[in-house]
């Protein structure tokens, strides 16, 4: 089985993403089984995760089947890329800030 699971994961992920050259899979084995760590381009993260995580769940299920066939427990860790491309949300105003702003507006009207 040596690394068939890794080859399988690379094949599936490279088929899904727009930047197959950015796909990197590392494999470690310990008492818990096989851990495959996946790195992809930030732009491809959505394709790998899928809506509500469904694509990632399906890939994990397939890896379990590959593992069972070879008497190994295979887990997948998807590493979040640096600068993940997610927009930073603006800090939320507290209720006290909103109240004081409304009070100032009312005073300005008078």
C-alpha atoms as a PDB file:
ATOM      1  CA  UNK A   1       0.000   0.000   0.000  1.00  0.00           C
ATOM      2  CA  UNK A   2       2.975   2.259   0.614  1.00  0.00           C
ATOM      3  CA  UNK A   3       1.683   5.607  -0.584  1.00  0.00           C
ATOM      4  CA  UNK A   4      -1.146   4.379  -2.798  1.00  0.00           C
ATOM      5  CA  UNK A   5      -3.414   6.461  -0.604  1.00  0.00           C
ATOM      6  CA  UNK A   6      -1.197   9.498  -1.201  1.00  0.00           C
ATOM      7  CA  UNK A   7      -1.168   8.939  -4.970  1.00  0.00           C
ATOM      8  CA  UNK A   8      -4.952   8.532  -4.954  1.00  0.00           C
ATOM      9  CA  UNK A   9      -5.458  11.774  -3.006  1.00  0.00           C
ATOM     10  CA  UNK A  10      -3.102  13.706  -5.299  1.00  0.00           C
ATOM     11  CA  UNK A  11      -4.934  12.395  -8.371  1.00  0.00           C
ATOM     12  CA  UNK A  12      -8.374  13.346  -7.035  1.00  0.00           C
ATOM     13  CA  UNK A  13      -7.358  16.804  -5.794  1.00  0.00           C
ATOM     14  CA  UNK A  14      -5.374  17.705  -8.923  1.00  0.00           C
ATOM     15  CA  UNK A  15      -8.456  16.759 -10.955  1.00  0.00           C
ATOM     16  CA  UNK A  16     -10.610  19.156  -8.914  1.00  0.00           C
ATOM     17  CA  UNK A  17      -8.465  22.288  -8.704  1.00  0.00           C
ATOM     18  CA  UNK A  18      -7.438  25.001 -11.166  1.00  0.00           C
ATOM     19  CA  UNK A  19      -3.810  25.067  -9.914  1.00  0.00           C
ATOM     20  CA  UNK A  20      -2.681  21.413  -9.808  1.00  0.00           C
ATOM     21  CA  UNK A  21       0.984  22.446  -9.491  1.00  0.00           C
ATOM     22  CA  UNK A  22       0.211  23.997  -6.077  1.00  0.00           C
ATOM     23  CA  UNK A  23      -1.132  20.698  -4.651  1.00  0.00           C
ATOM     24  CA  UNK A  24       1.147  19.173  -2.024  1.00  0.00           C
ATOM     25  CA  UNK A  25       0.376  16.039  -0.026  1.00  0.00           C
ATOM     26  CA  UNK A  26       2.541  14.864   2.847  1.00  0.00           C
ATOM     27  CA  UNK A  27       2.125  11.463   4.493  1.00  0.00           C
ATOM     28  CA  UNK A  28       2.935  10.463   8.060  1.00  0.00           C
ATOM     29  CA  UNK A  29       2.323   7.154   9.795  1.00  0.00           C
ATOM     30  CA  UNK A  30       1.948   6.678  13.553  1.00  0.00           C
ATOM     31  CA  UNK A  31       0.045   4.465  15.994  1.00  0.00           C
ATOM     32  CA  UNK A  32      -3.212   6.170  14.961  1.00  0.00           C
ATOM     33  CA  UNK A  33      -2.741   5.234  11.300  1.00  0.00           C
ATOM     34  CA  UNK A  34      -1.909   7.255   8.216  1.00  0.00           C
ATOM     35  CA  UNK A  35      -2.278  11.042   8.174  1.00  0.00           C
ATOM     36  CA  UNK A  36      -2.357  12.770   4.814  1.00  0.00           C
ATOM     37  CA  UNK A  37      -1.857  16.537   5.031  1.00  0.00           C
ATOM     38  CA  UNK A  38      -3.086  18.518   2.044  1.00  0.00           C
ATOM     39  CA  UNK A  39      -1.952  21.960   0.899  1.00  0.00           C
ATOM     40  CA  UNK A  40      -3.631  23.726  -2.023  1.00  0.00           C
ATOM     41  CA  UNK A  41      -3.689  27.212  -3.480  1.00  0.00           C
ATOM     42  CA  UNK A  42      -5.931  29.629  -1.524  1.00  0.00           C
ATOM     43  CA  UNK A  43      -7.998  30.113  -4.685  1.00  0.00           C
ATOM     44  CA  UNK A  44      -8.751  26.373  -4.838  1.00  0.00           C
ATOM     45  CA  UNK A  45      -9.720  25.935  -1.202  1.00  0.00           C
ATOM     46  CA  UNK A  46     -13.444  26.239  -1.952  1.00  0.00           C
ATOM     47  CA  UNK A  47     -13.279  23.518  -4.587  1.00  0.00           C
ATOM     48  CA  UNK A  48     -11.598  21.122  -2.161  1.00  0.00           C
ATOM     49  CA  UNK A  49     -13.949  21.858   0.755  1.00  0.00           C
ATOM     50  CA  UNK A  50     -17.141  22.142  -1.296  1.00  0.00           C
ATOM     51  CA  UNK A  51     -20.491  23.520  -0.256  1.00  0.00           C
ATOM     52  CA  UNK A  52     -21.062  22.761   3.438  1.00  0.00           C
ATOM     53  CA  UNK A  53     -17.902  20.653   3.394  1.00  0.00           C
ATOM     54  CA  UNK A  54     -19.510  17.972   1.241  1.00  0.00           C
ATOM     55  CA  UNK A  55     -16.565  17.546  -1.140  1.00  0.00           C
ATOM     56  CA  UNK A  56     -14.106  17.174   1.742  1.00  0.00           C
ATOM     57  CA  UNK A  57     -16.431  14.620   3.394  1.00  0.00           C
ATOM     58  CA  UNK A  58     -16.635  12.617   0.168  1.00  0.00           C
ATOM     59  CA  UNK A  59     -12.839  12.633  -0.241  1.00  0.00           C
ATOM     60  CA  UNK A  60     -12.432  11.451   3.361  1.00  0.00           C
ATOM     61  CA  UNK A  61     -14.931   8.642   2.744  1.00  0.00           C
ATOM     62  CA  UNK A  62     -13.028   7.506  -0.336  1.00  0.00           C
ATOM     63  CA  UNK A  63      -9.752   7.581   1.598  1.00  0.00           C
ATOM     64  CA  UNK A  64     -11.333   5.399   4.301  1.00  0.00           C
ATOM     65  CA  UNK A  65     -12.258   2.851   1.626  1.00  0.00           C
ATOM     66  CA  UNK A  66      -8.720   2.923   0.218  1.00  0.00           C
ATOM     67  CA  UNK A  67      -7.416   2.456   3.773  1.00  0.00           C
ATOM     68  CA  UNK A  68      -9.776  -0.427   4.572  1.00  0.00           C
ATOM     69  CA  UNK A  69      -8.723  -2.185   1.411  1.00  0.00           C
ATOM     70  CA  UNK A  70      -5.123  -1.967   2.621  1.00  0.00           C
ATOM     71  CA  UNK A  71      -5.753  -2.565   6.359  1.00  0.00           C
ATOM     72  CA  UNK A  72      -4.892   0.984   7.415  1.00  0.00           C
ATOM     73  CA  UNK A  73      -6.771   3.885   8.939  1.00  0.00           C
ATOM     74  CA  UNK A  74      -6.361   6.931   6.686  1.00  0.00           C
ATOM     75  CA  UNK A  75      -7.160  10.459   7.882  1.00  0.00           C
ATOM     76  CA  UNK A  76      -7.064  13.698   5.922  1.00  0.00           C
ATOM     77  CA  UNK A  77      -6.000  17.079   7.246  1.00  0.00           C
ATOM     78  CA  UNK A  78      -6.633  20.046   4.953  1.00  0.00           C
ATOM     79  CA  UNK A  79      -4.214  22.822   5.861  1.00  0.00           C
ATOM     80  CA  UNK A  80      -5.602  26.329   5.689  1.00  0.00           C
ATOM     81  CA  UNK A  81      -3.352  28.458   3.479  1.00  0.00           C
ATOM     82  CA  UNK A  82      -1.650  31.609   4.717  1.00  0.00           C
ATOM     83  CA  UNK A  83      -3.649  34.669   3.679  1.00  0.00           C
ATOM     84  CA  UNK A  84      -6.636  32.450   3.107  1.00  0.00           C
ATOM     85  CA  UNK A  85      -8.397  35.066   0.981  1.00  0.00           C
ATOM     86  CA  UNK A  86     -11.307  35.365   3.357  1.00  0.00           C
ATOM     87  CA  UNK A  87     -12.392  38.958   3.808  1.00  0.00           C
ATOM     88  CA  UNK A  88     -11.793  40.298   7.265  1.00  0.00           C
ATOM     89  CA  UNK A  89     -15.048  41.343   8.875  1.00  0.00           C
ATOM     90  CA  UNK A  90     -15.331  44.824  10.264  1.00  0.00           C
ATOM     91  CA  UNK A  91     -15.355  45.062  14.047  1.00  0.00           C
ATOM     92  CA  UNK A  92     -18.900  45.052  15.369  1.00  0.00           C
ATOM     93  CA  UNK A  93     -20.167  48.073  17.226  1.00  0.00           C
ATOM     94  CA  UNK A  94     -21.354  47.449  20.748  1.00  0.00           C
ATOM     95  CA  UNK A  95     -24.823  48.482  21.884  1.00  0.00           C
ATOM     96  CA  UNK A  96     -23.253  51.263  24.008  1.00  0.00           C
ATOM     97  CA  UNK A  97     -21.518  52.680  20.914  1.00  0.00           C
ATOM     98  CA  UNK A  98     -24.785  52.675  18.983  1.00  0.00           C
ATOM     99  CA  UNK A  99     -26.658  54.314  21.879  1.00  0.00           C
ATOM    100  CA  UNK A 100     -24.068  57.078  22.245  1.00  0.00           C
ATOM    101  CA  UNK A 101     -24.092  57.724  18.483  1.00  0.00           C
ATOM    102  CA  UNK A 102     -27.891  57.992  18.488  1.00  0.00           C
ATOM    103  CA  UNK A 103     -27.755  60.354  21.464  1.00  0.00           C
ATOM    104  CA  UNK A 104     -25.256  62.590  19.639  1.00  0.00           C
ATOM    105  CA  UNK A 105     -27.456  62.644  16.544  1.00  0.00           C
ATOM    106  CA  UNK A 106     -30.498  63.696  18.584  1.00  0.00           C
ATOM    107  CA  UNK A 107     -28.478  66.449  20.294  1.00  0.00           C
ATOM    108  CA  UNK A 108     -27.282  67.717  16.913  1.00  0.00           C
ATOM    109  CA  UNK A 109     -30.908  67.964  15.685  1.00  0.00           C
ATOM    110  CA  UNK A 110     -31.907  70.179  18.609  1.00  0.00           C
END
